[in-house]
Amino acid sequence: MRIGHGYDAHRLAPGRDMILCGVKIPCESGPDGHSDADAPLHALTDAILGAAALGDIGKLFPDTDEALRGISSRAILAETYASARGAGYELVNADITIVLQEPKLSGYIEAMRRSVAEALGCDIRQISVKAKTEERMGFTGTGEGIASHAVVLLENRRDYA
Protein backbone atom coordinates (compact mmCIF):
# COMPACT_ATOMS: atom_id res chain seq x y z
CA MET A 1 0.00 0.00 0.00
CA ARG A 2 1.22 3.49 -0.85
CA ILE A 3 -0.17 6.79 0.52
CA GLY A 4 0.11 10.07 -1.36
CA HIS A 5 -0.78 13.63 -0.37
CA GLY A 6 -1.36 16.51 -2.76
CA TYR A 7 -1.97 20.21 -2.28
CA ASP A 8 -2.83 23.01 -4.68
CA ALA A 9 -3.89 26.64 -4.40
CA HIS A 10 -4.92 29.26 -6.94
CA ARG A 11 -5.78 32.93 -6.82
CA LEU A 12 -9.41 33.65 -7.72
CA ALA A 13 -9.96 35.97 -10.69
CA PRO A 14 -13.14 37.64 -11.97
CA GLY A 15 -14.48 36.17 -15.19
CA ARG A 16 -12.75 32.79 -14.78
CA ASP A 17 -14.86 29.63 -14.69
CA MET A 18 -15.10 27.93 -11.30
CA ILE A 19 -14.39 24.31 -12.20
CA LEU A 20 -13.98 21.99 -9.23
CA CYS A 21 -13.47 18.24 -9.64
CA GLY A 22 -14.54 18.70 -13.27
CA VAL A 23 -17.87 20.34 -12.35
CA LYS A 24 -18.63 23.92 -13.37
CA ILE A 25 -19.96 25.87 -10.38
CA PRO A 26 -21.91 29.11 -11.01
CA CYS A 27 -19.73 31.91 -9.66
CA GLU A 28 -18.48 35.36 -10.67
CA SER A 29 -14.83 34.38 -10.26
CA GLY A 30 -12.79 31.24 -10.56
CA PRO A 31 -9.29 29.87 -10.07
CA ASP A 32 -6.68 31.51 -12.28
CA GLY A 33 -4.07 29.31 -13.89
CA HIS A 34 -2.44 27.93 -17.02
CA SER A 35 -4.93 25.04 -17.25
CA ASP A 36 -8.58 25.17 -16.17
CA ALA A 37 -7.03 25.60 -12.68
CA ASP A 38 -9.16 22.88 -11.05
CA ALA A 39 -7.33 22.96 -7.69
CA PRO A 40 -8.95 19.80 -6.23
CA LEU A 41 -7.98 17.74 -9.29
CA HIS A 42 -4.46 19.19 -9.25
CA ALA A 43 -4.14 18.13 -5.61
CA LEU A 44 -5.49 14.67 -6.44
CA THR A 45 -3.12 14.34 -9.39
CA ASP A 46 -0.15 15.20 -7.16
CA ALA A 47 -1.36 12.74 -4.52
CA ILE A 48 -1.44 9.94 -7.09
CA LEU A 49 1.98 10.92 -8.43
CA GLY A 50 3.38 11.04 -4.90
CA ALA A 51 2.00 7.64 -3.91
CA ALA A 52 3.43 6.08 -7.07
CA ALA A 53 6.72 8.06 -6.79
CA LEU A 54 6.25 9.39 -10.34
CA GLY A 55 7.14 13.05 -9.78
CA ASP A 56 4.71 15.96 -9.60
CA ILE A 57 2.17 17.72 -11.79
CA GLY A 58 4.52 20.60 -12.66
CA LYS A 59 7.14 18.19 -13.97
CA LEU A 60 4.71 16.28 -16.18
CA PHE A 61 2.43 19.18 -17.19
CA PRO A 62 4.58 22.35 -16.95
CA ASP A 63 2.85 25.73 -17.03
CA THR A 64 5.55 26.87 -19.44
CA ASP A 65 4.18 24.59 -22.17
CA GLU A 66 1.82 26.68 -24.29
CA ALA A 67 0.37 23.52 -25.84
CA LEU A 68 -1.13 22.79 -22.41
CA ARG A 69 -2.80 26.21 -21.97
CA GLY A 70 -6.43 25.69 -20.95
CA ILE A 71 -6.06 21.91 -20.69
CA SER A 72 -8.76 20.10 -18.73
CA SER A 73 -7.59 18.94 -15.32
CA ARG A 74 -9.75 15.84 -15.79
CA ALA A 75 -7.55 14.96 -18.79
CA ILE A 76 -4.43 15.55 -16.67
CA LEU A 77 -5.85 13.34 -13.92
CA ALA A 78 -6.85 10.55 -16.30
CA GLU A 79 -3.42 10.53 -17.98
CA THR A 80 -1.67 10.55 -14.63
CA TYR A 81 -3.74 7.67 -13.28
CA ALA A 82 -3.09 5.69 -16.47
CA SER A 83 0.65 6.12 -15.81
CA ALA A 84 0.24 4.97 -12.22
CA ARG A 85 -1.76 1.94 -13.38
CA GLY A 86 0.96 1.21 -15.93
CA ALA A 87 3.40 1.12 -13.02
CA GLY A 88 1.18 -1.47 -11.31
CA TYR A 89 -0.88 0.72 -8.97
CA GLU A 90 -4.65 0.63 -8.41
CA LEU A 91 -6.66 3.17 -6.48
CA VAL A 92 -8.06 1.99 -3.16
CA ASN A 93 -9.60 5.35 -2.24
CA ALA A 94 -9.19 9.11 -2.55
CA ASP A 95 -10.20 11.85 -0.12
CA ILE A 96 -10.35 15.47 -1.36
CA THR A 97 -10.85 18.58 0.77
CA ILE A 98 -11.68 21.89 -0.93
CA VAL A 99 -11.03 25.05 1.10
CA LEU A 100 -13.11 27.95 -0.22
CA GLN A 101 -15.19 30.62 1.51
CA GLU A 102 -17.78 31.07 -1.26
CA PRO A 103 -19.77 29.75 -3.01
CA LYS A 104 -21.17 27.02 -0.80
CA LEU A 105 -20.46 23.65 -2.42
CA SER A 106 -22.76 21.23 -0.57
CA GLY A 107 -25.16 21.00 -3.52
CA TYR A 108 -22.33 19.97 -5.88
CA ILE A 109 -20.49 17.35 -3.82
CA GLU A 110 -22.17 14.28 -5.35
CA ALA A 111 -21.62 15.59 -8.90
CA MET A 112 -17.96 16.16 -8.05
CA ARG A 113 -17.63 12.64 -6.65
CA ARG A 114 -19.21 11.21 -9.83
CA SER A 115 -16.92 13.30 -12.03
CA VAL A 116 -13.78 12.11 -10.26
CA ALA A 117 -14.94 8.48 -10.27
CA GLU A 118 -15.63 8.70 -14.01
CA ALA A 119 -12.22 10.24 -14.72
CA LEU A 120 -10.52 7.44 -12.77
CA GLY A 121 -12.81 4.65 -13.96
CA CYS A 122 -13.59 3.62 -10.40
CA ASP A 123 -16.60 3.21 -8.14
CA ILE A 124 -17.97 6.43 -6.61
CA ARG A 125 -17.66 4.79 -3.17
CA GLN A 126 -13.88 5.09 -3.55
CA ILE A 127 -14.09 8.90 -3.79
CA SER A 128 -14.73 11.37 -0.98
CA VAL A 129 -15.08 15.14 -1.53
CA LYS A 130 -15.51 17.60 1.31
CA ALA A 131 -15.76 21.40 1.37
CA LYS A 132 -14.54 23.60 4.19
CA THR A 133 -14.30 27.32 4.88
CA GLU A 134 -11.66 28.97 7.03
CA GLU A 135 -14.15 31.20 8.82
CA ARG A 136 -13.02 34.25 6.81
CA MET A 137 -9.35 33.82 7.81
CA GLY A 138 -6.40 33.67 5.43
CA PHE A 139 -6.39 33.93 1.64
CA THR A 140 -9.23 31.43 1.22
CA GLY A 141 -11.34 33.04 3.93
CA THR A 142 -11.06 36.50 2.41
CA GLY A 143 -12.07 35.19 -1.02
CA GLU A 144 -8.65 35.85 -2.53
CA GLY A 145 -8.04 32.20 -3.38
CA ILE A 146 -8.90 28.53 -3.20
CA ALA A 147 -6.88 25.67 -1.76
CA SER A 148 -7.33 21.93 -1.90
CA HIS A 149 -5.80 18.87 -0.27
CA ALA A 150 -6.06 15.28 -1.44
CA VAL A 151 -4.94 11.98 0.01
CA VAL A 152 -4.93 8.70 -1.90
CA LEU A 153 -4.23 5.11 -1.07
CA LEU A 154 -2.83 3.03 -3.91
CA GLU A 155 -2.19 -0.68 -3.90
CA ASN A 156 0.73 -2.12 -5.84
CA ARG A 157 -0.67 -5.06 -7.79
CA ARG A 158 2.78 -6.20 -8.94
CA ASP A 159 5.45 -8.09 -7.03
CA TYR A 160 8.65 -6.28 -6.19
CA ALA A 161 10.69 -9.18 -7.59
C-alpha atoms as a PDB file:
ATOM      1  CA  MET A   1       0.000   0.000   0.000  1.00  0.00           C
ATOM      2  CA  ARG A   2       1.216   3.494  -0.846  1.00  0.00           C
ATOM      3  CA  ILE A   3      -0.174   6.785   0.523  1.00  0.00           C
ATOM      4  CA  GLY A   4       0.112  10.070  -1.357  1.00  0.00           C
ATOM      5  CA  HIS A   5      -0.780  13.626  -0.368  1.00  0.00           C
ATOM      6  CA  GLY A   6      -1.358  16.506  -2.760  1.00  0.00           C
ATOM      7  CA  TYR A   7      -1.965  20.210  -2.284  1.00  0.00           C
ATOM      8  CA  ASP A   8      -2.829  23.011  -4.680  1.00  0.00           C
ATOM      9  CA  ALA A   9      -3.891  26.638  -4.403  1.00  0.00           C
ATOM     10  CA  HIS A  10      -4.923  29.261  -6.937  1.00  0.00           C
ATOM     11  CA  ARG A  11      -5.778  32.931  -6.824  1.00  0.00           C
ATOM     12  CA  LEU A  12      -9.412  33.650  -7.718  1.00  0.00           C
ATOM     13  CA  ALA A  13      -9.960  35.966 -10.690  1.00  0.00           C
ATOM     14  CA  PRO A  14     -13.141  37.640 -11.972  1.00  0.00           C
ATOM     15  CA  GLY A  15     -14.477  36.169 -15.195  1.00  0.00           C
ATOM     16  CA  ARG A  16     -12.752  32.787 -14.783  1.00  0.00           C
ATOM     17  CA  ASP A  17     -14.862  29.627 -14.694  1.00  0.00           C
ATOM     18  CA  MET A  18     -15.102  27.928 -11.300  1.00  0.00           C
ATOM     19  CA  ILE A  19     -14.393  24.306 -12.201  1.00  0.00           C
ATOM     20  CA  LEU A  20     -13.978  21.993  -9.228  1.00  0.00           C
ATOM     21  CA  CYS A  21     -13.474  18.244  -9.643  1.00  0.00           C
ATOM     22  CA  GLY A  22     -14.540  18.697 -13.273  1.00  0.00           C
ATOM     23  CA  VAL A  23     -17.866  20.342 -12.346  1.00  0.00           C
ATOM     24  CA  LYS A  24     -18.634  23.923 -13.371  1.00  0.00           C
ATOM     25  CA  ILE A  25     -19.956  25.867 -10.383  1.00  0.00           C
ATOM     26  CA  PRO A  26     -21.911  29.111 -11.006  1.00  0.00           C
ATOM     27  CA  CYS A  27     -19.731  31.912  -9.658  1.00  0.00           C
ATOM     28  CA  GLU A  28     -18.482  35.358 -10.675  1.00  0.00           C
ATOM     29  CA  SER A  29     -14.827  34.382 -10.259  1.00  0.00           C
ATOM     30  CA  GLY A  30     -12.789  31.242 -10.557  1.00  0.00           C
ATOM     31  CA  PRO A  31      -9.288  29.873 -10.074  1.00  0.00           C
ATOM     32  CA  ASP A  32      -6.684  31.512 -12.278  1.00  0.00           C
ATOM     33  CA  GLY A  33      -4.066  29.309 -13.890  1.00  0.00           C
ATOM     34  CA  HIS A  34      -2.435  27.929 -17.016  1.00  0.00           C
ATOM     35  CA  SER A  35      -4.930  25.043 -17.249  1.00  0.00           C
ATOM     36  CA  ASP A  36      -8.577  25.174 -16.175  1.00  0.00           C
ATOM     37  CA  ALA A  37      -7.031  25.600 -12.681  1.00  0.00           C
ATOM     38  CA  ASP A  38      -9.159  22.883 -11.053  1.00  0.00           C
ATOM     39  CA  ALA A  39      -7.334  22.957  -7.694  1.00  0.00           C
ATOM     40  CA  PRO A  40      -8.948  19.800  -6.234  1.00  0.00           C
ATOM     41  CA  LEU A  41      -7.984  17.738  -9.293  1.00  0.00           C
ATOM     42  CA  HIS A  42      -4.462  19.194  -9.253  1.00  0.00           C
ATOM     43  CA  ALA A  43      -4.137  18.134  -5.609  1.00  0.00           C
ATOM     44  CA  LEU A  44      -5.487  14.672  -6.441  1.00  0.00           C
ATOM     45  CA  THR A  45      -3.124  14.342  -9.387  1.00  0.00           C
ATOM     46  CA  ASP A  46      -0.154  15.203  -7.161  1.00  0.00           C
ATOM     47  CA  ALA A  47      -1.357  12.741  -4.516  1.00  0.00           C
ATOM     48  CA  ILE A  48      -1.437   9.936  -7.094  1.00  0.00           C
ATOM     49  CA  LEU A  49       1.976  10.923  -8.430  1.00  0.00           C
ATOM     50  CA  GLY A  50       3.379  11.039  -4.901  1.00  0.00           C
ATOM     51  CA  ALA A  51       2.005   7.641  -3.912  1.00  0.00           C
ATOM     52  CA  ALA A  52       3.435   6.078  -7.071  1.00  0.00           C
ATOM     53  CA  ALA A  53       6.718   8.061  -6.792  1.00  0.00           C
ATOM     54  CA  LEU A  54       6.247   9.390 -10.342  1.00  0.00           C
ATOM     55  CA  GLY A  55       7.137  13.054  -9.782  1.00  0.00           C
ATOM     56  CA  ASP A  56       4.714  15.961  -9.601  1.00  0.00           C
ATOM     57  CA  ILE A  57       2.168  17.720 -11.785  1.00  0.00           C
ATOM     58  CA  GLY A  58       4.524  20.601 -12.657  1.00  0.00           C
ATOM     59  CA  LYS A  59       7.138  18.187 -13.973  1.00  0.00           C
ATOM     60  CA  LEU A  60       4.708  16.281 -16.179  1.00  0.00           C
ATOM     61  CA  PHE A  61       2.435  19.182 -17.188  1.00  0.00           C
ATOM     62  CA  PRO A  62       4.578  22.349 -16.953  1.00  0.00           C
ATOM     63  CA  ASP A  63       2.853  25.727 -17.029  1.00  0.00           C
ATOM     64  CA  THR A  64       5.554  26.866 -19.440  1.00  0.00           C
ATOM     65  CA  ASP A  65       4.183  24.585 -22.171  1.00  0.00           C
ATOM     66  CA  GLU A  66       1.817  26.678 -24.293  1.00  0.00           C
ATOM     67  CA  ALA A  67       0.367  23.516 -25.845  1.00  0.00           C
ATOM     68  CA  LEU A  68      -1.134  22.792 -22.412  1.00  0.00           C
ATOM     69  CA  ARG A  69      -2.801  26.211 -21.971  1.00  0.00           C
ATOM     70  CA  GLY A  70      -6.427  25.689 -20.953  1.00  0.00           C
ATOM     71  CA  ILE A  71      -6.057  21.906 -20.687  1.00  0.00           C
ATOM     72  CA  SER A  72      -8.763  20.097 -18.733  1.00  0.00           C
ATOM     73  CA  SER A  73      -7.588  18.945 -15.321  1.00  0.00           C
ATOM     74  CA  ARG A  74      -9.750  15.839 -15.793  1.00  0.00           C
ATOM     75  CA  ALA A  75      -7.546  14.962 -18.788  1.00  0.00           C
ATOM     76  CA  ILE A  76      -4.426  15.554 -16.673  1.00  0.00           C
ATOM     77  CA  LEU A  77      -5.851  13.344 -13.917  1.00  0.00           C
ATOM     78  CA  ALA A  78      -6.850  10.551 -16.297  1.00  0.00           C
ATOM     79  CA  GLU A  79      -3.422  10.527 -17.981  1.00  0.00           C
ATOM     80  CA  THR A  80      -1.669  10.548 -14.627  1.00  0.00           C
ATOM     81  CA  TYR A  81      -3.742   7.670 -13.276  1.00  0.00           C
ATOM     82  CA  ALA A  82      -3.087   5.693 -16.474  1.00  0.00           C
ATOM     83  CA  SER A  83       0.652   6.120 -15.810  1.00  0.00           C
ATOM     84  CA  ALA A  84       0.243   4.965 -12.218  1.00  0.00           C
ATOM     85  CA  ARG A  85      -1.763   1.943 -13.377  1.00  0.00           C
ATOM     86  CA  GLY A  86       0.956   1.208 -15.927  1.00  0.00           C
ATOM     87  CA  ALA A  87       3.401   1.119 -13.024  1.00  0.00           C
ATOM     88  CA  GLY A  88       1.177  -1.471 -11.305  1.00  0.00           C
ATOM     89  CA  TYR A  89      -0.877   0.716  -8.965  1.00  0.00           C
ATOM     90  CA  GLU A  90      -4.649   0.626  -8.411  1.00  0.00           C
ATOM     91  CA  LEU A  91      -6.656   3.174  -6.475  1.00  0.00           C
ATOM     92  CA  VAL A  92      -8.058   1.994  -3.160  1.00  0.00           C
ATOM     93  CA  ASN A  93      -9.597   5.351  -2.243  1.00  0.00           C
ATOM     94  CA  ALA A  94      -9.194   9.112  -2.554  1.00  0.00           C
ATOM     95  CA  ASP A  95     -10.198  11.849  -0.121  1.00  0.00           C
ATOM     96  CA  ILE A  96     -10.350  15.469  -1.357  1.00  0.00           C
ATOM     97  CA  THR A  97     -10.853  18.577   0.769  1.00  0.00           C
ATOM     98  CA  ILE A  98     -11.684  21.890  -0.927  1.00  0.00           C
ATOM     99  CA  VAL A  99     -11.032  25.055   1.097  1.00  0.00           C
ATOM    100  CA  LEU A 100     -13.115  27.954  -0.216  1.00  0.00           C
ATOM    101  CA  GLN A 101     -15.192  30.622   1.505  1.00  0.00           C
ATOM    102  CA  GLU A 102     -17.779  31.067  -1.264  1.00  0.00           C
ATOM    103  CA  PRO A 103     -19.767  29.745  -3.009  1.00  0.00           C
ATOM    104  CA  LYS A 104     -21.170  27.016  -0.799  1.00  0.00           C
ATOM    105  CA  LEU A 105     -20.463  23.650  -2.418  1.00  0.00           C
ATOM    106  CA  SER A 106     -22.755  21.225  -0.568  1.00  0.00           C
ATOM    107  CA  GLY A 107     -25.162  20.999  -3.518  1.00  0.00           C
ATOM    108  CA  TYR A 108     -22.333  19.971  -5.878  1.00  0.00           C
ATOM    109  CA  ILE A 109     -20.490  17.351  -3.816  1.00  0.00           C
ATOM    110  CA  GLU A 110     -22.175  14.281  -5.349  1.00  0.00           C
ATOM    111  CA  ALA A 111     -21.622  15.592  -8.898  1.00  0.00           C
ATOM    112  CA  MET A 112     -17.962  16.160  -8.048  1.00  0.00           C
ATOM    113  CA  ARG A 113     -17.627  12.635  -6.646  1.00  0.00           C
ATOM    114  CA  ARG A 114     -19.208  11.213  -9.830  1.00  0.00           C
ATOM    115  CA  SER A 115     -16.924  13.305 -12.031  1.00  0.00           C
ATOM    116  CA  VAL A 116     -13.781  12.112 -10.264  1.00  0.00           C
ATOM    117  CA  ALA A 117     -14.937   8.484 -10.268  1.00  0.00           C
ATOM    118  CA  GLU A 118     -15.634   8.698 -14.012  1.00  0.00           C
ATOM    119  CA  ALA A 119     -12.223  10.240 -14.724  1.00  0.00           C
ATOM    120  CA  LEU A 120     -10.519   7.444 -12.769  1.00  0.00           C
ATOM    121  CA  GLY A 121     -12.813   4.652 -13.957  1.00  0.00           C
ATOM    122  CA  CYS A 122     -13.588   3.623 -10.395  1.00  0.00           C
ATOM    123  CA  ASP A 123     -16.604   3.213  -8.143  1.00  0.00           C
ATOM    124  CA  ILE A 124     -17.974   6.428  -6.605  1.00  0.00           C
ATOM    125  CA  ARG A 125     -17.664   4.788  -3.168  1.00  0.00           C
ATOM    126  CA  GLN A 126     -13.878   5.090  -3.545  1.00  0.00           C
ATOM    127  CA  ILE A 127     -14.090   8.902  -3.787  1.00  0.00           C
ATOM    128  CA  SER A 128     -14.734  11.375  -0.983  1.00  0.00           C
ATOM    129  CA  VAL A 129     -15.082  15.136  -1.530  1.00  0.00           C
ATOM    130  CA  LYS A 130     -15.507  17.602   1.311  1.00  0.00           C
ATOM    131  CA  ALA A 131     -15.761  21.399   1.365  1.00  0.00           C
ATOM    132  CA  LYS A 132     -14.541  23.605   4.192  1.00  0.00           C
ATOM    133  CA  THR A 133     -14.303  27.317   4.882  1.00  0.00           C
ATOM    134  CA  GLU A 134     -11.662  28.971   7.026  1.00  0.00           C
ATOM    135  CA  GLU A 135     -14.145  31.202   8.820  1.00  0.00           C
ATOM    136  CA  ARG A 136     -13.023  34.252   6.810  1.00  0.00           C
ATOM    137  CA  MET A 137      -9.354  33.815   7.806  1.00  0.00           C
ATOM    138  CA  GLY A 138      -6.403  33.674   5.433  1.00  0.00           C
ATOM    139  CA  PHE A 139      -6.394  33.931   1.637  1.00  0.00           C
ATOM    140  CA  THR A 140      -9.233  31.427   1.221  1.00  0.00           C
ATOM    141  CA  GLY A 141     -11.339  33.036   3.925  1.00  0.00           C
ATOM    142  CA  THR A 142     -11.062  36.502   2.412  1.00  0.00           C
ATOM    143  CA  GLY A 143     -12.072  35.193  -1.018  1.00  0.00           C
ATOM    144  CA  GLU A 144      -8.651  35.848  -2.530  1.00  0.00           C
ATOM    145  CA  GLY A 145      -8.042  32.202  -3.384  1.00  0.00           C
ATOM    146  CA  ILE A 146      -8.900  28.533  -3.204  1.00  0.00           C
ATOM    147  CA  ALA A 147      -6.883  25.667  -1.756  1.00  0.00           C
ATOM    148  CA  SER A 148      -7.328  21.933  -1.902  1.00  0.00           C
ATOM    149  CA  HIS A 149      -5.800  18.869  -0.271  1.00  0.00           C
ATOM    150  CA  ALA A 150      -6.061  15.285  -1.442  1.00  0.00           C
ATOM    151  CA  VAL A 151      -4.944  11.981   0.006  1.00  0.00           C
ATOM    152  CA  VAL A 152      -4.927   8.701  -1.900  1.00  0.00           C
ATOM    153  CA  LEU A 153      -4.234   5.112  -1.068  1.00  0.00           C
ATOM    154  CA  LEU A 154      -2.832   3.030  -3.912  1.00  0.00           C
ATOM    155  CA  GLU A 155      -2.189  -0.676  -3.898  1.00  0.00           C
ATOM    156  CA  ASN A 156       0.726  -2.119  -5.838  1.00  0.00           C
ATOM    157  CA  ARG A 157      -0.666  -5.056  -7.794  1.00  0.00           C
ATOM    158  CA  ARG A 158       2.781  -6.203  -8.940  1.00  0.00           C
ATOM    159  CA  ASP A 159       5.447  -8.087  -7.033  1.00  0.00           C
ATOM    160  CA  TYR A 160       8.649  -6.277  -6.189  1.00  0.00           C
ATOM    161  CA  ALA A 161      10.690  -9.184  -7.594  1.00  0.00           C
END
